[in-house]
Amino acid sequence: ELNAFCMPGGKIMFYSGLINQLKLTD
């Protein structure tokens, strides 16, 4: 899944597909 979010209070979640499939740099 190409997804990422930050919930209220600073709860961050990244999905590996977003980084790997789009080959994101830092």
PDB file of all heavy atoms in Angstrom:
ATOM      1  N   GLU A   1       0.833  -1.206   0.000  1.00  0.00           N
ATOM      2  CA  GLU A   1       0.000   0.000   0.000  1.00  0.00           C
ATOM      3  C   GLU A   1       0.864   1.252   0.000  1.00  0.00           C
ATOM      4  O   GLU A   1       1.858   1.338   0.726  1.00  0.00           O
ATOM      5  CB  GLU A   1      -0.908  -0.013   1.236  1.00  0.00           C
ATOM      6  CG  GLU A   1      -1.953   1.074   1.275  1.00  0.00           C
ATOM      7  CD  GLU A   1      -2.888   0.923   2.464  1.00  0.00           C
ATOM      8  OE1 GLU A   1      -2.875  -0.149   3.090  1.00  0.00           O
ATOM      9  OE2 GLU A   1      -3.607   1.891   2.755  1.00  0.00           O
ATOM     10  N   LEU A   2       0.493   2.219  -0.818  1.00  0.00           N
ATOM     11  CA  LEU A   2       1.206   3.497  -0.863  1.00  0.00           C
ATOM     12  C   LEU A   2       0.540   4.441   0.119  1.00  0.00           C
ATOM     13  O   LEU A   2      -0.385   5.177  -0.225  1.00  0.00           O
ATOM     14  CB  LEU A   2       1.175   4.084  -2.288  1.00  0.00           C
ATOM     15  CG  LEU A   2       1.670   3.190  -3.424  1.00  0.00           C
ATOM     16  CD1 LEU A   2       1.668   3.949  -4.738  1.00  0.00           C
ATOM     17  CD2 LEU A   2       3.053   2.630  -3.125  1.00  0.00           C
ATOM     18  N   ASN A   3       1.030   4.422   1.355  1.00  0.00           N
ATOM     19  CA  ASN A   3       0.324   5.173   2.392  1.00  0.00           C
ATOM     20  C   ASN A   3       1.285   5.621   3.483  1.00  0.00           C
ATOM     21  O   ASN A   3       2.345   5.018   3.697  1.00  0.00           O
ATOM     22  CB  ASN A   3      -0.787   4.311   3.000  1.00  0.00           C
ATOM     23  CG  ASN A   3      -1.815   5.134   3.759  1.00  0.00           C
ATOM     24  OD1 ASN A   3      -1.796   6.361   3.704  1.00  0.00           O
ATOM     25  ND2 ASN A   3      -2.706   4.466   4.464  1.00  0.00           N
ATOM     26  N   ALA A   4       0.919   6.694   4.150  1.00  0.00           N
ATOM     27  CA  ALA A   4       1.626   7.202   5.321  1.00  0.00           C
ATOM     28  C   ALA A   4       0.696   8.186   6.001  1.00  0.00           C
ATOM     29  O   ALA A   4      -0.131   8.817   5.348  1.00  0.00           O
ATOM     30  CB  ALA A   4       2.937   7.895   4.934  1.00  0.00           C
ATOM     31  N   PHE A   5       0.812   8.305   7.326  1.00  0.00           N
ATOM     32  CA  PHE A   5       0.000   9.294   8.030  1.00  0.00           C
ATOM     33  C   PHE A   5       0.620   9.589   9.388  1.00  0.00           C
ATOM     34  O   PHE A   5       1.484   8.852   9.878  1.00  0.00           O
ATOM     35  CB  PHE A   5      -1.454   8.815   8.200  1.00  0.00           C
ATOM     36  CG  PHE A   5      -1.606   7.489   8.903  1.00  0.00           C
ATOM     37  CD1 PHE A   5      -1.580   7.403  10.287  1.00  0.00           C
ATOM     38  CD2 PHE A   5      -1.790   6.332   8.175  1.00  0.00           C
ATOM     39  CE1 PHE A   5      -1.722   6.189  10.929  1.00  0.00           C
ATOM     40  CE2 PHE A   5      -1.935   5.102   8.798  1.00  0.00           C
ATOM     41  CZ  PHE A   5      -1.894   5.026  10.188  1.00  0.00           C
ATOM     42  N   CYS A   6       0.183  10.691   9.975  1.00  0.00           N
ATOM     43  CA  CYS A   6       0.558  11.055  11.338  1.00  0.00           C
ATOM     44  C   CYS A   6      -0.721  11.377  12.088  1.00  0.00           C
ATOM     45  O   CYS A   6      -1.431  12.321  11.737  1.00  0.00           O
ATOM     46  CB  CYS A   6       1.511  12.247  11.360  1.00  0.00           C
ATOM     47  SG  CYS A   6       1.981  12.771  13.033  1.00  0.00           S
ATOM     48  N   MET A   7      -1.032  10.593  13.090  1.00  0.00           N
ATOM     49  CA  MET A   7      -2.235  10.815  13.885  1.00  0.00           C
ATOM     50  C   MET A   7      -2.018  11.962  14.875  1.00  0.00           C
ATOM     51  O   MET A   7      -0.881  12.349  15.156  1.00  0.00           O
ATOM     52  CB  MET A   7      -2.594   9.544  14.652  1.00  0.00           C
ATOM     53  CG  MET A   7      -3.178   8.435  13.802  1.00  0.00           C
ATOM     54  SD  MET A   7      -3.722   7.066  14.858  1.00  0.00           S
ATOM     55  CE  MET A   7      -4.465   5.990  13.637  1.00  0.00           C
ATOM     56  N   PRO A   8      -3.101  12.520  15.419  1.00  0.00           N
ATOM     57  CA  PRO A   8      -2.969  13.542  16.450  1.00  0.00           C
ATOM     58  C   PRO A   8      -2.069  13.064  17.586  1.00  0.00           C
ATOM     59  O   PRO A   8      -2.132  11.899  17.994  1.00  0.00           O
ATOM     60  CB  PRO A   8      -4.419  13.723  16.933  1.00  0.00           C
ATOM     61  CG  PRO A   8      -5.250  13.380  15.742  1.00  0.00           C
ATOM     62  CD  PRO A   8      -4.517  12.260  15.060  1.00  0.00           C
ATOM     63  N   GLY A   9      -1.205  13.944  18.063  1.00  0.00           N
ATOM     64  CA  GLY A   9      -0.301  13.595  19.144  1.00  0.00           C
ATOM     65  C   GLY A   9       1.020  13.008  18.695  1.00  0.00           C
ATOM     66  O   GLY A   9       1.859  12.651  19.518  1.00  0.00           O
ATOM     67  N   GLY A  10       1.244  12.883  17.367  1.00  0.00           N
ATOM     68  CA  GLY A  10       2.541  12.461  16.873  1.00  0.00           C
ATOM     69  C   GLY A  10       2.711  10.979  16.623  1.00  0.00           C
ATOM     70  O   GLY A  10       3.829  10.454  16.705  1.00  0.00           O
ATOM     71  N   LYS A  11       1.632  10.269  16.290  1.00  0.00           N
ATOM     72  CA  LYS A  11       1.706   8.833  15.998  1.00  0.00           C
ATOM     73  C   LYS A  11       1.865   8.651  14.489  1.00  0.00           C
ATOM     74  O   LYS A  11       0.911   8.810  13.728  1.00  0.00           O
ATOM     75  CB  LYS A  11       0.454   8.115  16.487  1.00  0.00           C
ATOM     76  CG  LYS A  11       0.138   8.353  17.959  1.00  0.00           C
ATOM     77  CD  LYS A  11       1.256   7.853  18.864  1.00  0.00           C
ATOM     78  CE  LYS A  11       0.873   8.023  20.318  1.00  0.00           C
ATOM     79  NZ  LYS A  11       1.978   7.638  21.228  1.00  0.00           N
ATOM     80  N   ILE A  12       3.088   8.314  14.056  1.00  0.00           N
ATOM     81  CA  ILE A  12       3.422   8.242  12.633  1.00  0.00           C
ATOM     82  C   ILE A  12       3.459   6.790  12.167  1.00  0.00           C
ATOM     83  O   ILE A  12       4.000   5.919  12.859  1.00  0.00           O
ATOM     84  CB  ILE A  12       4.788   8.904  12.371  1.00  0.00           C
ATOM     85  CG1 ILE A  12       4.746  10.389  12.765  1.00  0.00           C
ATOM     86  CG2 ILE A  12       5.212   8.738  10.918  1.00  0.00           C
ATOM     87  CD1 ILE A  12       6.107  11.060  12.740  1.00  0.00           C
ATOM     88  N   MET A  13       2.892   6.553  10.996  1.00  0.00           N
ATOM     89  CA  MET A  13       2.961   5.231  10.384  1.00  0.00           C
ATOM     90  C   MET A  13       3.312   5.381   8.905  1.00  0.00           C
ATOM     91  O   MET A  13       2.673   6.155   8.187  1.00  0.00           O
ATOM     92  CB  MET A  13       1.639   4.486  10.527  1.00  0.00           C
ATOM     93  CG  MET A  13       1.701   3.033  10.069  1.00  0.00           C
ATOM     94  SD  MET A  13       2.730   1.993  11.159  1.00  0.00           S
ATOM     95  CE  MET A  13       1.617   1.799  12.576  1.00  0.00           C
ATOM     96  N   PHE A  14       4.330   4.672   8.476  1.00  0.00           N
ATOM     97  CA  PHE A  14       4.687   4.589   7.057  1.00  0.00           C
ATOM     98  C   PHE A  14       4.432   3.166   6.582  1.00  0.00           C
ATOM     99  O   PHE A  14       4.628   2.205   7.326  1.00  0.00           O
ATOM    100  CB  PHE A  14       6.163   4.940   6.838  1.00  0.00           C
ATOM    101  CG  PHE A  14       6.404   6.374   6.462  1.00  0.00           C
ATOM    102  CD1 PHE A  14       6.276   7.382   7.403  1.00  0.00           C
ATOM    103  CD2 PHE A  14       6.753   6.718   5.169  1.00  0.00           C
ATOM    104  CE1 PHE A  14       6.492   8.700   7.062  1.00  0.00           C
ATOM    105  CE2 PHE A  14       6.979   8.047   4.817  1.00  0.00           C
ATOM    106  CZ  PHE A  14       6.841   9.045   5.765  1.00  0.00           C
ATOM    107  N   TYR A  15       4.004   3.042   5.338  1.00  0.00           N
ATOM    108  CA  TYR A  15       3.851   1.736   4.706  1.00  0.00           C
ATOM    109  C   TYR A  15       5.040   1.554   3.766  1.00  0.00           C
ATOM    110  O   TYR A  15       5.389   2.462   3.004  1.00  0.00           O
ATOM    111  CB  TYR A  15       2.535   1.665   3.941  1.00  0.00           C
ATOM    112  CG  TYR A  15       1.318   1.607   4.848  1.00  0.00           C
ATOM    113  CD1 TYR A  15       0.983   2.669   5.677  1.00  0.00           C
ATOM    114  CD2 TYR A  15       0.504   0.473   4.869  1.00  0.00           C
ATOM    115  CE1 TYR A  15      -0.123   2.616   6.515  1.00  0.00           C
ATOM    116  CE2 TYR A  15      -0.613   0.406   5.696  1.00  0.00           C
ATOM    117  CZ  TYR A  15      -0.926   1.475   6.520  1.00  0.00           C
ATOM    118  OH  TYR A  15      -2.013   1.428   7.343  1.00  0.00           O
ATOM    119  N   SER A  16       5.635   0.373   3.813  1.00  0.00           N
ATOM    120  CA  SER A  16       6.872   0.150   3.055  1.00  0.00           C
ATOM    121  C   SER A  16       6.678   0.343   1.557  1.00  0.00           C
ATOM    122  O   SER A  16       7.605   0.767   0.858  1.00  0.00           O
ATOM    123  CB  SER A  16       7.404  -1.257   3.329  1.00  0.00           C
ATOM    124  OG  SER A  16       6.462  -2.251   2.917  1.00  0.00           O
ATOM    125  N   GLY A  17       5.482   0.065   1.062  1.00  0.00           N
ATOM    126  CA  GLY A  17       5.230   0.210  -0.367  1.00  0.00           C
ATOM    127  C   GLY A  17       5.444   1.619  -0.870  1.00  0.00           C
ATOM    128  O   GLY A  17       5.904   1.826  -2.006  1.00  0.00           O
ATOM    129  N   LEU A  18       5.123   2.599  -0.048  1.00  0.00           N
ATOM    130  CA  LEU A  18       5.289   3.994  -0.450  1.00  0.00           C
ATOM    131  C   LEU A  18       6.757   4.298  -0.717  1.00  0.00           C
ATOM    132  O   LEU A  18       7.101   4.970  -1.693  1.00  0.00           O
ATOM    133  CB  LEU A  18       4.741   4.920   0.641  1.00  0.00           C
ATOM    134  CG  LEU A  18       4.862   6.419   0.369  1.00  0.00           C
ATOM    135  CD1 LEU A  18       3.990   6.824  -0.812  1.00  0.00           C
ATOM    136  CD2 LEU A  18       4.478   7.227   1.607  1.00  0.00           C
ATOM    137  N   ILE A  19       7.619   3.789   0.154  1.00  0.00           N
ATOM    138  CA  ILE A  19       9.051   4.060   0.031  1.00  0.00           C
ATOM    139  C   ILE A  19       9.688   3.204  -1.055  1.00  0.00           C
ATOM    140  O   ILE A  19      10.445   3.699  -1.898  1.00  0.00           O
ATOM    141  CB  ILE A  19       9.752   3.816   1.379  1.00  0.00           C
ATOM    142  CG1 ILE A  19       9.170   4.763   2.453  1.00  0.00           C
ATOM    143  CG2 ILE A  19      11.265   3.998   1.250  1.00  0.00           C
ATOM    144  CD1 ILE A  19       9.661   4.462   3.851  1.00  0.00           C
ATOM    145  N   ASN A  20       9.365   1.932  -1.040  1.00  0.00           N
ATOM    146  CA  ASN A  20      10.035   1.000  -1.951  1.00  0.00           C
ATOM    147  C   ASN A  20       9.553   1.119  -3.395  1.00  0.00           C
ATOM    148  O   ASN A  20      10.363   1.134  -4.328  1.00  0.00           O
ATOM    149  CB  ASN A  20       9.835  -0.432  -1.458  1.00  0.00           C
ATOM    150  CG  ASN A  20      10.512  -0.681  -0.122  1.00  0.00           C
ATOM    151  OD1 ASN A  20      11.499  -0.023   0.209  1.00  0.00           O
ATOM    152  ND2 ASN A  20       9.992  -1.613   0.658  1.00  0.00           N
ATOM    153  N   GLN A  21       8.245   1.203  -3.585  1.00  0.00           N
ATOM    154  CA  GLN A  21       7.726   1.241  -4.950  1.00  0.00           C
ATOM    155  C   GLN A  21       8.028   2.559  -5.645  1.00  0.00           C
ATOM    156  O   GLN A  21       8.269   2.593  -6.851  1.00  0.00           O
ATOM    157  CB  GLN A  21       6.223   0.972  -4.944  1.00  0.00           C
ATOM    158  CG  GLN A  21       5.865  -0.440  -4.523  1.00  0.00           C
ATOM    159  CD  GLN A  21       4.394  -0.727  -4.665  1.00  0.00           C
ATOM    160  OE1 GLN A  21       3.774  -0.360  -5.665  1.00  0.00           O
ATOM    161  NE2 GLN A  21       3.819  -1.384  -3.664  1.00  0.00           N
ATOM    162  N   LEU A  22       8.014   3.661  -4.870  1.00  0.00           N
ATOM    163  CA  LEU A  22       8.334   4.958  -5.470  1.00  0.00           C
ATOM    164  C   LEU A  22       9.820   5.289  -5.356  1.00  0.00           C
ATOM    165  O   LEU A  22      10.248   6.345  -5.804  1.00  0.00           O
ATOM    166  CB  LEU A  22       7.501   6.060  -4.808  1.00  0.00           C
ATOM    167  CG  LEU A  22       5.983   5.938  -4.949  1.00  0.00           C
ATOM    168  CD1 LEU A  22       5.296   7.176  -4.390  1.00  0.00           C
ATOM    169  CD2 LEU A  22       5.576   5.716  -6.398  1.00  0.00           C
ATOM    170  N   LYS A  23      10.560   4.377  -4.725  1.00  0.00           N
ATOM    171  CA  LYS A  23      12.019   4.552  -4.577  1.00  0.00           C
ATOM    172  C   LYS A  23      12.352   5.933  -4.001  1.00  0.00           C
ATOM    173  O   LYS A  23      13.134   6.702  -4.571  1.00  0.00           O
ATOM    174  CB  LYS A  23      12.726   4.338  -5.924  1.00  0.00           C
ATOM    175  CG  LYS A  23      12.576   2.924  -6.474  1.00  0.00           C
ATOM    176  CD  LYS A  23      13.294   2.766  -7.814  1.00  0.00           C
ATOM    177  CE  LYS A  23      13.295   1.316  -8.285  1.00  0.00           C
ATOM    178  NZ  LYS A  23      11.940   0.740  -8.425  1.00  0.00           N
ATOM    179  N   LEU A  24      11.747   6.226  -2.862  1.00  0.00           N
ATOM    180  CA  LEU A  24      11.916   7.538  -2.239  1.00  0.00           C
ATOM    181  C   LEU A  24      13.299   7.691  -1.630  1.00  0.00           C
ATOM    182  O   LEU A  24      13.821   6.789  -0.975  1.00  0.00           O
ATOM    183  CB  LEU A  24      10.865   7.749  -1.148  1.00  0.00           C
ATOM    184  CG  LEU A  24       9.393   7.738  -1.567  1.00  0.00           C
ATOM    185  CD1 LEU A  24       8.513   8.126  -0.395  1.00  0.00           C
ATOM    186  CD2 LEU A  24       9.139   8.658  -2.759  1.00  0.00           C
ATOM    187  N   THR A  25      13.885   8.858  -1.829  1.00  0.00           N
ATOM    188  CA  THR A  25      15.119   9.227  -1.147  1.00  0.00           C
ATOM    189  C   THR A  25      14.780   9.681   0.271  1.00  0.00           C
ATOM    190  O   THR A  25      13.615   9.892   0.618  1.00  0.00           O
ATOM    191  CB  THR A  25      15.820  10.372  -1.884  1.00  0.00           C
ATOM    192  OG1 THR A  25      14.979  11.548  -1.804  1.00  0.00           O
ATOM    193  CG2 THR A  25      16.057  10.023  -3.349  1.00  0.00           C
ATOM    194  N   ASP A  26      15.815   9.851   1.098  1.00  0.00           N
ATOM    195  CA  ASP A  26      15.576  10.363   2.449  1.00  0.00           C
ATOM    196  C   ASP A  26      14.903  11.733   2.396  1.00  0.00           C
ATOM    197  O   ASP A  26      14.029  12.046   3.212  1.00  0.00           O
ATOM    198  CB  ASP A  26      16.885  10.462   3.218  1.00  0.00           C
ATOM    199  CG  ASP A  26      17.389   9.107   3.702  1.00  0.00           C
ATOM    200  OD1 ASP A  26      16.722   8.084   3.415  1.00  0.00           O
ATOM    201  OD2 ASP A  26      18.445   9.067   4.358  1.00  0.00           O
TER     202      ASP A  26
END
